[in-house]
Amino acid sequence: GGLAQTGGSLRLSCAASGRTFSTYAMGWFRQAPGK
């Protein structure tokens, strides 16, 4: 994460550990203040 310009791009990464990874669905969520 970080600062990007309108129209720009970012690539987020998520590292998982502690449980078998390959057999589980994964997802992304977001939350803005007040939402």
PDB file of all heavy atoms in Angstrom:
ATOM      1  N   GLY A   1       0.813  -1.197   0.000  1.00  0.00           N
ATOM      2  CA  GLY A   1       0.000   0.000   0.000  1.00  0.00           C
ATOM      3  C   GLY A   1       0.851   1.253   0.000  1.00  0.00           C
ATOM      4  O   GLY A   1       2.068   1.209   0.171  1.00  0.00           O
ATOM      5  N   GLY A   2       0.188   2.365  -0.196  1.00  0.00           N
ATOM      6  CA  GLY A   2       0.885   3.631  -0.232  1.00  0.00           C
ATOM      7  C   GLY A   2       0.068   4.673  -0.946  1.00  0.00           C
ATOM      8  O   GLY A   2      -1.159   4.576  -1.025  1.00  0.00           O
ATOM      9  N   LEU A   3       0.754   5.649  -1.460  1.00  0.00           N
ATOM     10  CA  LEU A   3       0.118   6.760  -2.155  1.00  0.00           C
ATOM     11  C   LEU A   3       0.216   6.561  -3.658  1.00  0.00           C
ATOM     12  O   LEU A   3       1.293   6.264  -4.182  1.00  0.00           O
ATOM     13  CB  LEU A   3       0.775   8.078  -1.755  1.00  0.00           C
ATOM     14  CG  LEU A   3       0.253   9.341  -2.417  1.00  0.00           C
ATOM     15  CD1 LEU A   3      -1.193   9.592  -2.010  1.00  0.00           C
ATOM     16  CD2 LEU A   3       1.128  10.526  -2.046  1.00  0.00           C
ATOM     17  N   ALA A   4      -0.900   6.720  -4.319  1.00  0.00           N
ATOM     18  CA  ALA A   4      -0.940   6.618  -5.768  1.00  0.00           C
ATOM     19  C   ALA A   4      -1.749   7.767  -6.335  1.00  0.00           C
ATOM     20  O   ALA A   4      -2.601   8.342  -5.663  1.00  0.00           O
ATOM     21  CB  ALA A   4      -1.545   5.290  -6.205  1.00  0.00           C
ATOM     22  N   GLN A   5      -1.476   8.085  -7.565  1.00  0.00           N
ATOM     23  CA  GLN A   5      -2.231   9.111  -8.262  1.00  0.00           C
ATOM     24  C   GLN A   5      -3.474   8.517  -8.907  1.00  0.00           C
ATOM     25  O   GLN A   5      -3.522   7.328  -9.216  1.00  0.00           O
ATOM     26  CB  GLN A   5      -1.373   9.775  -9.334  1.00  0.00           C
ATOM     27  CG  GLN A   5      -0.162  10.505  -8.808  1.00  0.00           C
ATOM     28  CD  GLN A   5       0.677  11.098  -9.920  1.00  0.00           C
ATOM     29  OE1 GLN A   5       0.499  10.778 -11.092  1.00  0.00           O
ATOM     30  NE2 GLN A   5       1.600  11.967  -9.558  1.00  0.00           N
ATOM     31  N   THR A   6      -4.465   9.353  -9.097  1.00  0.00           N
ATOM     32  CA  THR A   6      -5.635   8.928  -9.846  1.00  0.00           C
ATOM     33  C   THR A   6      -5.204   8.411 -11.213  1.00  0.00           C
ATOM     34  O   THR A   6      -4.432   9.059 -11.915  1.00  0.00           O
ATOM     35  CB  THR A   6      -6.631  10.077 -10.000  1.00  0.00           C
ATOM     36  OG1 THR A   6      -7.088  10.492  -8.716  1.00  0.00           O
ATOM     37  CG2 THR A   6      -7.829   9.661 -10.838  1.00  0.00           C
ATOM     38  N   GLY A   7      -5.700   7.232 -11.568  1.00  0.00           N
ATOM     39  CA  GLY A   7      -5.302   6.602 -12.813  1.00  0.00           C
ATOM     40  C   GLY A   7      -4.063   5.745 -12.707  1.00  0.00           C
ATOM     41  O   GLY A   7      -3.711   5.053 -13.674  1.00  0.00           O
ATOM     42  N   GLY A   8      -3.406   5.768 -11.566  1.00  0.00           N
ATOM     43  CA  GLY A   8      -2.204   4.996 -11.377  1.00  0.00           C
ATOM     44  C   GLY A   8      -2.480   3.577 -10.937  1.00  0.00           C
ATOM     45  O   GLY A   8      -3.628   3.118 -10.917  1.00  0.00           O
ATOM     46  N   SER A   9      -1.422   2.881 -10.562  1.00  0.00           N
ATOM     47  CA  SER A   9      -1.515   1.470 -10.206  1.00  0.00           C
ATOM     48  C   SER A   9      -0.732   1.168  -8.939  1.00  0.00           C
ATOM     49  O   SER A   9       0.265   1.824  -8.624  1.00  0.00           O
ATOM     50  CB  SER A   9      -0.971   0.592 -11.336  1.00  0.00           C
ATOM     51  OG  SER A   9      -1.718   0.742 -12.528  1.00  0.00           O
ATOM     52  N   LEU A  10      -1.201   0.169  -8.223  1.00  0.00           N
ATOM     53  CA  LEU A  10      -0.501  -0.400  -7.090  1.00  0.00           C
ATOM     54  C   LEU A  10      -0.709  -1.904  -7.112  1.00  0.00           C
ATOM     55  O   LEU A  10      -1.728  -2.387  -7.604  1.00  0.00           O
ATOM     56  CB  LEU A  10      -1.006   0.151  -5.757  1.00  0.00           C
ATOM     57  CG  LEU A  10      -0.619   1.569  -5.362  1.00  0.00           C
ATOM     58  CD1 LEU A  10      -1.378   1.972  -4.097  1.00  0.00           C
ATOM     59  CD2 LEU A  10       0.876   1.679  -5.139  1.00  0.00           C
ATOM     60  N   ARG A  11       0.248  -2.617  -6.564  1.00  0.00           N
ATOM     61  CA  ARG A  11       0.120  -4.057  -6.422  1.00  0.00           C
ATOM     62  C   ARG A  11       0.265  -4.425  -4.949  1.00  0.00           C
ATOM     63  O   ARG A  11       1.329  -4.224  -4.359  1.00  0.00           O
ATOM     64  CB  ARG A  11       1.175  -4.789  -7.243  1.00  0.00           C
ATOM     65  CG  ARG A  11       0.953  -6.299  -7.326  1.00  0.00           C
ATOM     66  CD  ARG A  11       2.080  -6.964  -8.077  1.00  0.00           C
ATOM     67  NE  ARG A  11       1.800  -8.360  -8.396  1.00  0.00           N
ATOM     68  CZ  ARG A  11       2.672  -9.353  -8.239  1.00  0.00           C
ATOM     69  NH1 ARG A  11       3.888  -9.097  -7.783  1.00  0.00           N
ATOM     70  NH2 ARG A  11       2.321 -10.590  -8.566  1.00  0.00           N
ATOM     71  N   LEU A  12      -0.794  -4.950  -4.382  1.00  0.00           N
ATOM     72  CA  LEU A  12      -0.786  -5.376  -3.002  1.00  0.00           C
ATOM     73  C   LEU A  12      -0.404  -6.844  -2.907  1.00  0.00           C
ATOM     74  O   LEU A  12      -0.751  -7.645  -3.773  1.00  0.00           O
ATOM     75  CB  LEU A  12      -2.151  -5.167  -2.354  1.00  0.00           C
ATOM     76  CG  LEU A  12      -2.748  -3.767  -2.433  1.00  0.00           C
ATOM     77  CD1 LEU A  12      -4.067  -3.725  -1.663  1.00  0.00           C
ATOM     78  CD2 LEU A  12      -1.778  -2.723  -1.903  1.00  0.00           C
ATOM     79  N   SER A  13       0.300  -7.180  -1.837  1.00  0.00           N
ATOM     80  CA  SER A  13       0.690  -8.555  -1.584  1.00  0.00           C
ATOM     81  C   SER A  13       0.198  -8.975  -0.213  1.00  0.00           C
ATOM     82  O   SER A  13       0.079  -8.160   0.698  1.00  0.00           O
ATOM     83  CB  SER A  13       2.215  -8.712  -1.649  1.00  0.00           C
ATOM     84  OG  SER A  13       2.719  -8.378  -2.922  1.00  0.00           O
ATOM     85  N   CYS A  14      -0.070 -10.246  -0.082  1.00  0.00           N
ATOM     86  CA  CYS A  14      -0.492 -10.817   1.188  1.00  0.00           C
ATOM     87  C   CYS A  14       0.266 -12.114   1.404  1.00  0.00           C
ATOM     88  O   CYS A  14       0.162 -13.035   0.589  1.00  0.00           O
ATOM     89  CB  CYS A  14      -1.999 -11.068   1.187  1.00  0.00           C
ATOM     90  SG  CYS A  14      -2.611 -11.968   2.629  1.00  0.00           S
ATOM     91  N   ALA A  15       1.009 -12.179   2.481  1.00  0.00           N
ATOM     92  CA  ALA A  15       1.752 -13.373   2.850  1.00  0.00           C
ATOM     93  C   ALA A  15       1.001 -14.111   3.944  1.00  0.00           C
ATOM     94  O   ALA A  15       0.623 -13.517   4.953  1.00  0.00           O
ATOM     95  CB  ALA A  15       3.152 -13.009   3.322  1.00  0.00           C
ATOM     96  N   ALA A  16       0.790 -15.392   3.732  1.00  0.00           N
ATOM     97  CA  ALA A  16       0.049 -16.218   4.675  1.00  0.00           C
ATOM     98  C   ALA A  16       0.972 -17.228   5.333  1.00  0.00           C
ATOM     99  O   ALA A  16       1.873 -17.780   4.692  1.00  0.00           O
ATOM    100  CB  ALA A  16      -1.096 -16.941   3.974  1.00  0.00           C
ATOM    101  N   SER A  17       0.732 -17.477   6.597  1.00  0.00           N
ATOM    102  CA  SER A  17       1.489 -18.485   7.317  1.00  0.00           C
ATOM    103  C   SER A  17       0.632 -19.044   8.444  1.00  0.00           C
ATOM    104  O   SER A  17      -0.339 -18.425   8.871  1.00  0.00           O
ATOM    105  CB  SER A  17       2.794 -17.916   7.877  1.00  0.00           C
ATOM    106  OG  SER A  17       2.538 -16.874   8.807  1.00  0.00           O
ATOM    107  N   GLY A  18       0.999 -20.228   8.920  1.00  0.00           N
ATOM    108  CA  GLY A  18       0.329 -20.812  10.065  1.00  0.00           C
ATOM    109  C   GLY A  18      -0.745 -21.835   9.753  1.00  0.00           C
ATOM    110  O   GLY A  18      -1.195 -22.528  10.651  1.00  0.00           O
ATOM    111  N   ARG A  19      -1.167 -21.926   8.514  1.00  0.00           N
ATOM    112  CA  ARG A  19      -2.162 -22.891   8.103  1.00  0.00           C
ATOM    113  C   ARG A  19      -1.953 -23.248   6.642  1.00  0.00           C
ATOM    114  O   ARG A  19      -1.461 -22.426   5.871  1.00  0.00           O
ATOM    115  CB  ARG A  19      -3.579 -22.357   8.331  1.00  0.00           C
ATOM    116  CG  ARG A  19      -4.668 -23.410   8.202  1.00  0.00           C
ATOM    117  CD  ARG A  19      -6.009 -22.915   8.692  1.00  0.00           C
ATOM    118  NE  ARG A  19      -6.612 -21.944   7.788  1.00  0.00           N
ATOM    119  CZ  ARG A  19      -7.859 -21.511   7.867  1.00  0.00           C
ATOM    120  NH1 ARG A  19      -8.657 -21.969   8.834  1.00  0.00           N
ATOM    121  NH2 ARG A  19      -8.315 -20.604   7.021  1.00  0.00           N
ATOM    122  N   THR A  20      -2.342 -24.453   6.273  1.00  0.00           N
ATOM    123  CA  THR A  20      -2.245 -24.875   4.883  1.00  0.00           C
ATOM    124  C   THR A  20      -2.904 -23.840   3.979  1.00  0.00           C
ATOM    125  O   THR A  20      -4.043 -23.443   4.189  1.00  0.00           O
ATOM    126  CB  THR A  20      -2.905 -26.245   4.684  1.00  0.00           C
ATOM    127  OG1 THR A  20      -2.272 -27.211   5.520  1.00  0.00           O
ATOM    128  CG2 THR A  20      -2.778 -26.691   3.231  1.00  0.00           C
ATOM    129  N   PHE A  21      -2.176 -23.395   2.972  1.00  0.00           N
ATOM    130  CA  PHE A  21      -2.605 -22.281   2.151  1.00  0.00           C
ATOM    131  C   PHE A  21      -3.350 -22.703   0.895  1.00  0.00           C
ATOM    132  O   PHE A  21      -4.380 -22.124   0.545  1.00  0.00           O
ATOM    133  CB  PHE A  21      -1.378 -21.441   1.772  1.00  0.00           C
ATOM    134  CG  PHE A  21      -1.677 -20.297   0.860  1.00  0.00           C
ATOM    135  CD1 PHE A  21      -2.194 -19.123   1.355  1.00  0.00           C
ATOM    136  CD2 PHE A  21      -1.431 -20.405  -0.504  1.00  0.00           C
ATOM    137  CE1 PHE A  21      -2.469 -18.057   0.514  1.00  0.00           C
ATOM    138  CE2 PHE A  21      -1.700 -19.342  -1.355  1.00  0.00           C
ATOM    139  CZ  PHE A  21      -2.221 -18.166  -0.839  1.00  0.00           C
ATOM    140  N   SER A  22      -2.825 -23.699   0.203  1.00  0.00           N
ATOM    141  CA  SER A  22      -3.281 -23.985  -1.155  1.00  0.00           C
ATOM    142  C   SER A  22      -4.710 -24.492  -1.246  1.00  0.00           C
ATOM    143  O   SER A  22      -5.319 -24.410  -2.318  1.00  0.00           O
ATOM    144  CB  SER A  22      -2.342 -24.994  -1.825  1.00  0.00           C
ATOM    145  OG  SER A  22      -2.343 -26.228  -1.129  1.00  0.00           O
ATOM    146  N   THR A  23      -5.270 -24.998  -0.177  1.00  0.00           N
ATOM    147  CA  THR A  23      -6.618 -25.548  -0.211  1.00  0.00           C
ATOM    148  C   THR A  23      -7.696 -24.542   0.194  1.00  0.00           C
ATOM    149  O   THR A  23      -8.874 -24.901   0.217  1.00  0.00           O
ATOM    150  CB  THR A  23      -6.735 -26.781   0.694  1.00  0.00           C
ATOM    151  OG1 THR A  23      -6.410 -26.424   2.036  1.00  0.00           O
ATOM    152  CG2 THR A  23      -5.796 -27.889   0.215  1.00  0.00           C
ATOM    153  N   TYR A  24      -7.321 -23.317   0.489  1.00  0.00           N
ATOM    154  CA  TYR A  24      -8.267 -22.317   0.957  1.00  0.00           C
ATOM    155  C   TYR A  24      -8.448 -21.195  -0.050  1.00  0.00           C
ATOM    156  O   TYR A  24      -7.480 -20.687  -0.614  1.00  0.00           O
ATOM    157  CB  TYR A  24      -7.804 -21.715   2.280  1.00  0.00           C
ATOM    158  CG  TYR A  24      -7.928 -22.652   3.447  1.00  0.00           C
ATOM    159  CD1 TYR A  24      -6.934 -23.585   3.721  1.00  0.00           C
ATOM    160  CD2 TYR A  24      -9.053 -22.619   4.261  1.00  0.00           C
ATOM    161  CE1 TYR A  24      -7.053 -24.462   4.787  1.00  0.00           C
ATOM    162  CE2 TYR A  24      -9.177 -23.483   5.336  1.00  0.00           C
ATOM    163  CZ  TYR A  24      -8.169 -24.400   5.593  1.00  0.00           C
ATOM    164  OH  TYR A  24      -8.284 -25.263   6.658  1.00  0.00           O
ATOM    165  N   ALA A  25      -9.690 -20.807  -0.249  1.00  0.00           N
ATOM    166  CA  ALA A  25      -9.965 -19.617  -1.033  1.00  0.00           C
ATOM    167  C   ALA A  25      -9.410 -18.389  -0.312  1.00  0.00           C
ATOM    168  O   ALA A  25      -9.353 -18.345   0.921  1.00  0.00           O
ATOM    169  CB  ALA A  25     -11.463 -19.455  -1.255  1.00  0.00           C
ATOM    170  N   MET A  26      -9.005 -17.415  -1.084  1.00  0.00           N
ATOM    171  CA  MET A  26      -8.468 -16.175  -0.550  1.00  0.00           C
ATOM    172  C   MET A  26      -9.221 -14.993  -1.135  1.00  0.00           C
ATOM    173  O   MET A  26      -9.814 -15.096  -2.216  1.00  0.00           O
ATOM    174  CB  MET A  26      -6.977 -16.043  -0.865  1.00  0.00           C
ATOM    175  CG  MET A  26      -6.105 -17.149  -0.293  1.00  0.00           C
ATOM    176  SD  MET A  26      -6.038 -17.135   1.524  1.00  0.00           S
ATOM    177  CE  MET A  26      -5.237 -15.547   1.824  1.00  0.00           C
ATOM    178  N   GLY A  27      -9.177 -13.886  -0.424  1.00  0.00           N
ATOM    179  CA  GLY A  27      -9.895 -12.721  -0.894  1.00  0.00           C
ATOM    180  C   GLY A  27      -9.276 -11.423  -0.429  1.00  0.00           C
ATOM    181  O   GLY A  27      -8.338 -11.408   0.378  1.00  0.00           O
ATOM    182  N   TRP A  28      -9.809 -10.356  -0.958  1.00  0.00           N
ATOM    183  CA  TRP A  28      -9.430  -9.009  -0.560  1.00  0.00           C
ATOM    184  C   TRP A  28     -10.669  -8.208  -0.190  1.00  0.00           C
ATOM    185  O   TRP A  28     -11.692  -8.268  -0.885  1.00  0.00           O
ATOM    186  CB  TRP A  28      -8.687  -8.283  -1.681  1.00  0.00           C
ATOM    187  CG  TRP A  28      -7.284  -8.759  -1.891  1.00  0.00           C
ATOM    188  CD1 TRP A  28      -6.853  -9.699  -2.766  1.00  0.00           C
ATOM    189  CD2 TRP A  28      -6.120  -8.294  -1.196  1.00  0.00           C
ATOM    190  NE1 TRP A  28      -5.495  -9.863  -2.676  1.00  0.00           N
ATOM    191  CE2 TRP A  28      -5.017  -9.009  -1.716  1.00  0.00           C
ATOM    192  CE3 TRP A  28      -5.901  -7.348  -0.198  1.00  0.00           C
ATOM    193  CZ2 TRP A  28      -3.716  -8.809  -1.268  1.00  0.00           C
ATOM    194  CZ3 TRP A  28      -4.609  -7.144   0.263  1.00  0.00           C
ATOM    195  CH2 TRP A  28      -3.541  -7.868  -0.274  1.00  0.00           C
ATOM    196  N   PHE A  29     -10.558  -7.471   0.895  1.00  0.00           N
ATOM    197  CA  PHE A  29     -11.589  -6.558   1.364  1.00  0.00           C
ATOM    198  C   PHE A  29     -10.970  -5.184   1.562  1.00  0.00           C
ATOM    199  O   PHE A  29      -9.748  -5.047   1.657  1.00  0.00           O
ATOM    200  CB  PHE A  29     -12.181  -7.026   2.698  1.00  0.00           C
ATOM    201  CG  PHE A  29     -12.959  -8.306   2.647  1.00  0.00           C
ATOM    202  CD1 PHE A  29     -12.323  -9.526   2.487  1.00  0.00           C
ATOM    203  CD2 PHE A  29     -14.339  -8.291   2.784  1.00  0.00           C
ATOM    204  CE1 PHE A  29     -13.031 -10.707   2.458  1.00  0.00           C
ATOM    205  CE2 PHE A  29     -15.070  -9.474   2.766  1.00  0.00           C
ATOM    206  CZ  PHE A  29     -14.412 -10.678   2.601  1.00  0.00           C
ATOM    207  N   ARG A  30     -11.811  -4.189   1.662  1.00  0.00           N
ATOM    208  CA  ARG A  30     -11.337  -2.866   2.047  1.00  0.00           C
ATOM    209  C   ARG A  30     -12.363  -2.191   2.934  1.00  0.00           C
ATOM    210  O   ARG A  30     -13.545  -2.522   2.903  1.00  0.00           O
ATOM    211  CB  ARG A  30     -11.035  -1.993   0.823  1.00  0.00           C
ATOM    212  CG  ARG A  30     -12.272  -1.548   0.046  1.00  0.00           C
ATOM    213  CD  ARG A  30     -11.862  -0.781  -1.200  1.00  0.00           C
ATOM    214  NE  ARG A  30     -13.014  -0.372  -1.984  1.00  0.00           N
ATOM    215  CZ  ARG A  30     -12.946   0.134  -3.201  1.00  0.00           C
ATOM    216  NH1 ARG A  30     -11.748   0.296  -3.786  1.00  0.00           N
ATOM    217  NH2 ARG A  30     -14.047   0.487  -3.849  1.00  0.00           N
ATOM    218  N   GLN A  31     -11.876  -1.248   3.723  1.00  0.00           N
ATOM    219  CA  GLN A  31     -12.759  -0.504   4.596  1.00  0.00           C
ATOM    220  C   GLN A  31     -12.277   0.939   4.685  1.00  0.00           C
ATOM    221  O   GLN A  31     -11.134   1.193   5.062  1.00  0.00           O
ATOM    222  CB  GLN A  31     -12.826  -1.116   5.990  1.00  0.00           C
ATOM    223  CG  GLN A  31     -13.882  -0.484   6.872  1.00  0.00           C
ATOM    224  CD  GLN A  31     -14.197  -1.310   8.094  1.00  0.00           C
ATOM    225  OE1 GLN A  31     -13.371  -2.116   8.542  1.00  0.00           O
ATOM    226  NE2 GLN A  31     -15.379  -1.129   8.645  1.00  0.00           N
ATOM    227  N   ALA A  32     -13.150   1.841   4.320  1.00  0.00           N
ATOM    228  CA  ALA A  32     -12.888   3.264   4.442  1.00  0.00           C
ATOM    229  C   ALA A  32     -13.565   3.789   5.700  1.00  0.00           C
ATOM    230  O   ALA A  32     -14.552   3.218   6.168  1.00  0.00           O
ATOM    231  CB  ALA A  32     -13.394   4.004   3.211  1.00  0.00           C
ATOM    232  N   PRO A  33     -13.060   4.878   6.270  1.00  0.00           N
ATOM    233  CA  PRO A  33     -13.680   5.436   7.473  1.00  0.00           C
ATOM    234  C   PRO A  33     -15.152   5.732   7.269  1.00  0.00           C
ATOM    235  O   PRO A  33     -15.546   6.339   6.273  1.00  0.00           O
ATOM    236  CB  PRO A  33     -12.886   6.720   7.709  1.00  0.00           C
ATOM    237  CG  PRO A  33     -11.559   6.458   7.088  1.00  0.00           C
ATOM    238  CD  PRO A  33     -11.855   5.619   5.875  1.00  0.00           C
ATOM    239  N   GLY A  34     -15.971   5.287   8.212  1.00  0.00           N
ATOM    240  CA  GLY A  34     -17.395   5.524   8.140  1.00  0.00           C
ATOM    241  C   GLY A  34     -18.158   4.610   7.206  1.00  0.00           C
ATOM    242  O   GLY A  34     -19.368   4.785   7.035  1.00  0.00           O
ATOM    243  N   LYS A  35     -17.477   3.642   6.607  1.00  0.00           N
ATOM    244  CA  LYS A  35     -18.129   2.733   5.678  1.00  0.00           C
ATOM    245  C   LYS A  35     -17.992   1.297   6.148  1.00  0.00           C
ATOM    246  O   LYS A  35     -17.116   0.962   6.949  1.00  0.00           O
ATOM    247  CB  LYS A  35     -17.536   2.876   4.276  1.00  0.00           C
ATOM    248  CG  LYS A  35     -17.788   4.221   3.613  1.00  0.00           C
ATOM    249  CD  LYS A  35     -17.296   4.227   2.183  1.00  0.00           C
ATOM    250  CE  LYS A  35     -17.610   5.531   1.494  1.00  0.00           C
ATOM    251  NZ  LYS A  35     -17.142   5.531   0.083  1.00  0.00           N
TER     252      LYS A  35
END
